[in-house]
Amino acid sequence: MSEEYAQIVEGCRRGNALAQRKLYDAMAPMAMGICMRYAGNRDEAQDLLQEGMVKVFEKVGRLREPEKLKSWVARVMTNLCIDTIRRKNRSGMVRIEDWDGIEDEVPDHYALDDIVAAMQQLTPQQRLAFNMCVVEGYPYKEASEVLKCEETGTRSLVSRAKARLREILTQQTEERNR
């Protein structure tokens, strides 16, 4: 895969449309997953995806290690989502969410779509804290800086988010079993 990534990156550096399409096709599903976890809904996630992929195309020429393309795109998308949240925080609005690693937090019998829907029912602050600390693995201190609160406040938000997710997912299961 790293050889293919090297070819894609080199093609993008030259402005090759086919290479750009291959990059988009290879990375968009993963990038959309990241955006869905941070966004409050699919439309917002689509906007983040488009904005993020534009950034990826603009900066891919600077990527020194093409074999790290996937993790680099994931980082670009995550940073874009977090930056968007910070901007919205300044304007009094917040949206958020992310993924990979949630398997440890909820039973495995829930469908991915159910978990994403449940996460979108959390408060924006709970989604951000949960996403950053549990899913992305950020230290509580870093998440606290983004949330502009004390570390204990972030821990509390994560705890409340976990409890609320369990409640929502349990309720969904009970409704299905009726």
Protein backbone atom coordinates (compact mmCIF):
# COMPACT_ATOMS: atom_id res chain seq x y z
CA MET A 1 0.00 0.00 0.00
CA SER A 2 2.86 2.40 0.74
CA GLU A 3 4.08 2.12 -2.87
CA GLU A 4 0.59 2.99 -4.08
CA TYR A 5 0.48 5.93 -1.65
CA ALA A 6 3.85 7.11 -2.96
CA GLN A 7 2.49 7.09 -6.52
CA ILE A 8 -0.66 8.93 -5.45
CA VAL A 9 1.29 11.59 -3.55
CA GLU A 10 3.72 12.08 -6.44
CA GLY A 11 0.83 12.35 -8.90
CA CYS A 12 -0.89 14.92 -6.68
CA ARG A 13 2.33 16.95 -6.48
CA ARG A 14 2.27 17.15 -10.28
CA GLY A 15 -1.41 18.14 -10.28
CA ASN A 16 -2.54 14.87 -11.89
CA ALA A 17 -6.35 14.70 -11.70
CA LEU A 18 -6.37 10.88 -11.73
CA ALA A 19 -4.02 10.77 -8.73
CA GLN A 20 -6.21 13.29 -6.92
CA ARG A 21 -9.27 11.13 -7.63
CA LYS A 22 -7.45 8.05 -6.32
CA LEU A 23 -6.50 9.99 -3.18
CA TYR A 24 -10.09 11.08 -2.67
CA ASP A 25 -11.49 7.60 -3.29
CA ALA A 26 -8.97 6.00 -0.93
CA MET A 27 -9.36 8.50 1.91
CA ALA A 28 -12.91 9.89 1.74
CA PRO A 29 -14.64 7.02 3.58
CA MET A 30 -12.21 7.21 6.50
CA ALA A 31 -12.31 11.03 6.46
CA MET A 32 -16.12 11.04 6.41
CA GLY A 33 -16.11 8.77 9.46
CA ILE A 34 -14.00 11.32 11.30
CA CYS A 35 -16.26 14.17 10.19
CA MET A 36 -19.41 12.29 11.25
CA ARG A 37 -18.00 11.82 14.71
CA TYR A 38 -17.31 15.52 15.11
CA ALA A 39 -20.33 16.93 13.28
CA GLY A 40 -23.83 17.23 14.62
CA ASN A 41 -25.39 15.84 11.43
CA ARG A 42 -24.58 14.41 7.99
CA ASP A 43 -24.82 17.77 6.16
CA GLU A 44 -22.31 19.35 8.49
CA ALA A 45 -20.05 16.30 8.13
CA GLN A 46 -20.22 16.60 4.33
CA ASP A 47 -19.17 20.26 4.59
CA LEU A 48 -16.25 19.31 6.83
CA LEU A 49 -15.24 16.52 4.45
CA GLN A 50 -15.16 18.86 1.46
CA GLU A 51 -13.24 21.54 3.34
CA GLY A 52 -10.81 18.95 4.69
CA MET A 53 -10.16 17.30 1.34
CA VAL A 54 -9.40 20.70 -0.18
CA LYS A 55 -6.79 21.16 2.57
CA VAL A 56 -5.41 17.70 1.87
CA PHE A 57 -5.03 18.47 -1.86
CA GLU A 58 -3.38 21.83 -1.08
CA LYS A 59 -0.86 20.35 1.35
CA VAL A 60 -0.23 16.80 0.10
CA GLY A 61 2.84 18.00 -1.79
CA ARG A 62 4.51 18.72 1.56
CA LEU A 63 4.06 15.15 2.81
CA ARG A 64 7.56 13.73 3.22
CA GLU A 65 6.62 10.16 4.06
CA PRO A 66 3.93 8.94 1.62
CA GLU A 67 3.55 5.67 3.54
CA LYS A 68 1.97 7.74 6.32
CA LEU A 69 -0.65 9.21 4.00
CA LYS A 70 -3.64 7.67 5.78
CA SER A 71 -2.62 8.82 9.25
CA TRP A 72 -1.68 12.24 7.87
CA VAL A 73 -5.10 12.67 6.23
CA ALA A 74 -6.76 11.55 9.47
CA ARG A 75 -4.78 14.16 11.41
CA VAL A 76 -5.65 16.91 8.88
CA MET A 77 -9.34 16.02 9.15
CA THR A 78 -9.30 15.81 12.94
CA ASN A 79 -7.49 19.15 13.26
CA LEU A 80 -9.96 20.76 10.86
CA CYS A 81 -12.88 19.46 12.91
CA ILE A 82 -11.34 20.66 16.18
CA ASP A 83 -10.51 24.07 14.66
CA THR A 84 -14.08 24.37 13.41
CA ILE A 85 -15.33 23.62 16.91
CA ARG A 86 -13.03 26.22 18.40
CA ARG A 87 -14.35 28.83 15.94
CA LYS A 88 -17.93 27.90 16.80
CA ASN A 89 -17.11 28.06 20.51
CA ARG A 90 -16.08 31.66 20.03
CA SER A 91 -19.43 32.37 18.39
CA GLY A 92 -21.36 30.56 21.13
CA MET A 93 -22.16 27.46 19.06
CA VAL A 94 -20.55 24.04 19.28
CA ARG A 95 -20.73 20.81 17.26
CA ILE A 96 -18.57 17.68 17.64
CA GLU A 97 -17.70 13.94 17.58
CA ASP A 98 -15.20 11.14 16.48
CA TRP A 99 -14.63 7.41 16.48
CA ASP A 100 -12.03 4.55 16.46
CA GLY A 101 -11.66 3.11 19.94
CA ILE A 102 -15.26 3.39 21.10
CA GLU A 103 -15.48 -0.41 20.99
CA ASP A 104 -13.92 -0.43 24.45
CA GLU A 105 -16.63 1.83 25.81
CA VAL A 106 -19.83 0.18 24.60
CA PRO A 107 -20.88 -3.43 24.13
CA ASP A 108 -20.07 -4.88 20.73
CA HIS A 109 -23.65 -5.79 19.92
CA TYR A 110 -24.53 -2.25 18.88
CA ALA A 111 -24.34 -1.30 15.21
CA LEU A 112 -21.96 1.47 14.27
CA ASP A 113 -24.86 3.60 12.99
CA ASP A 114 -26.62 3.27 16.35
CA ILE A 115 -23.53 4.42 18.20
CA VAL A 116 -23.00 7.40 15.89
CA ALA A 117 -26.66 8.37 16.29
CA ALA A 118 -26.35 8.06 20.05
CA MET A 119 -23.21 10.20 20.08
CA GLN A 120 -25.04 12.89 18.15
CA GLN A 121 -27.55 13.09 21.00
CA LEU A 122 -24.86 14.07 23.49
CA THR A 123 -24.36 17.72 24.31
CA PRO A 124 -21.71 19.33 22.11
CA GLN A 125 -19.30 19.56 25.05
CA GLN A 126 -19.84 15.91 25.98
CA ARG A 127 -19.26 14.82 22.36
CA LEU A 128 -16.06 16.82 22.11
CA ALA A 129 -14.69 15.60 25.44
CA PHE A 130 -15.65 11.98 24.73
CA ASN A 131 -14.32 12.10 21.21
CA MET A 132 -11.01 13.69 22.12
CA CYS A 133 -10.29 11.64 25.26
CA VAL A 134 -11.84 8.25 24.54
CA VAL A 135 -11.79 7.99 20.77
CA GLU A 136 -8.76 10.05 19.76
CA GLY A 137 -6.78 9.33 22.92
CA TYR A 138 -5.95 12.94 23.75
CA PRO A 139 -4.83 13.53 27.34
CA TYR A 140 -7.48 15.18 29.51
CA LYS A 141 -5.25 18.22 29.84
CA GLU A 142 -5.23 18.87 26.06
CA ALA A 143 -8.98 18.34 25.80
CA SER A 144 -9.42 20.76 28.70
CA GLU A 145 -7.58 23.45 26.75
CA VAL A 146 -9.92 23.04 23.77
CA LEU A 147 -12.97 23.01 26.04
CA LYS A 148 -11.59 25.92 28.07
CA CYS A 149 -12.30 24.21 31.38
CA GLU A 150 -10.44 22.49 34.19
CA GLU A 151 -9.17 18.95 33.71
CA THR A 152 -11.66 17.70 36.31
CA GLY A 153 -14.45 19.28 34.27
CA THR A 154 -13.31 17.39 31.21
CA ARG A 155 -13.22 14.12 33.17
CA SER A 156 -16.75 14.84 34.36
CA LEU A 157 -17.94 15.51 30.78
CA VAL A 158 -16.44 12.22 29.61
CA SER A 159 -18.05 10.35 32.48
CA ARG A 160 -21.45 11.92 31.77
CA ALA A 161 -21.05 11.17 28.06
CA LYS A 162 -20.35 7.49 28.76
CA ALA A 163 -23.36 7.26 31.07
CA ARG A 164 -25.61 9.01 28.54
CA LEU A 165 -24.40 6.76 25.71
CA ARG A 166 -25.20 3.67 27.76
CA GLU A 167 -28.64 5.11 28.53
CA ILE A 168 -29.41 5.96 24.88
CA LEU A 169 -28.15 2.63 23.54
CA THR A 170 -30.03 0.65 26.20
CA GLN A 171 -33.20 2.57 25.35
CA GLN A 172 -32.71 1.86 21.63
CA THR A 173 -32.30 -1.85 22.37
CA GLU A 174 -35.42 -1.96 24.54
CA GLU A 175 -37.45 -0.18 21.83
CA ARG A 176 -36.31 -2.70 19.21
CA ASN A 177 -37.18 -5.64 21.44
CA ARG A 178 -40.78 -4.49 21.92
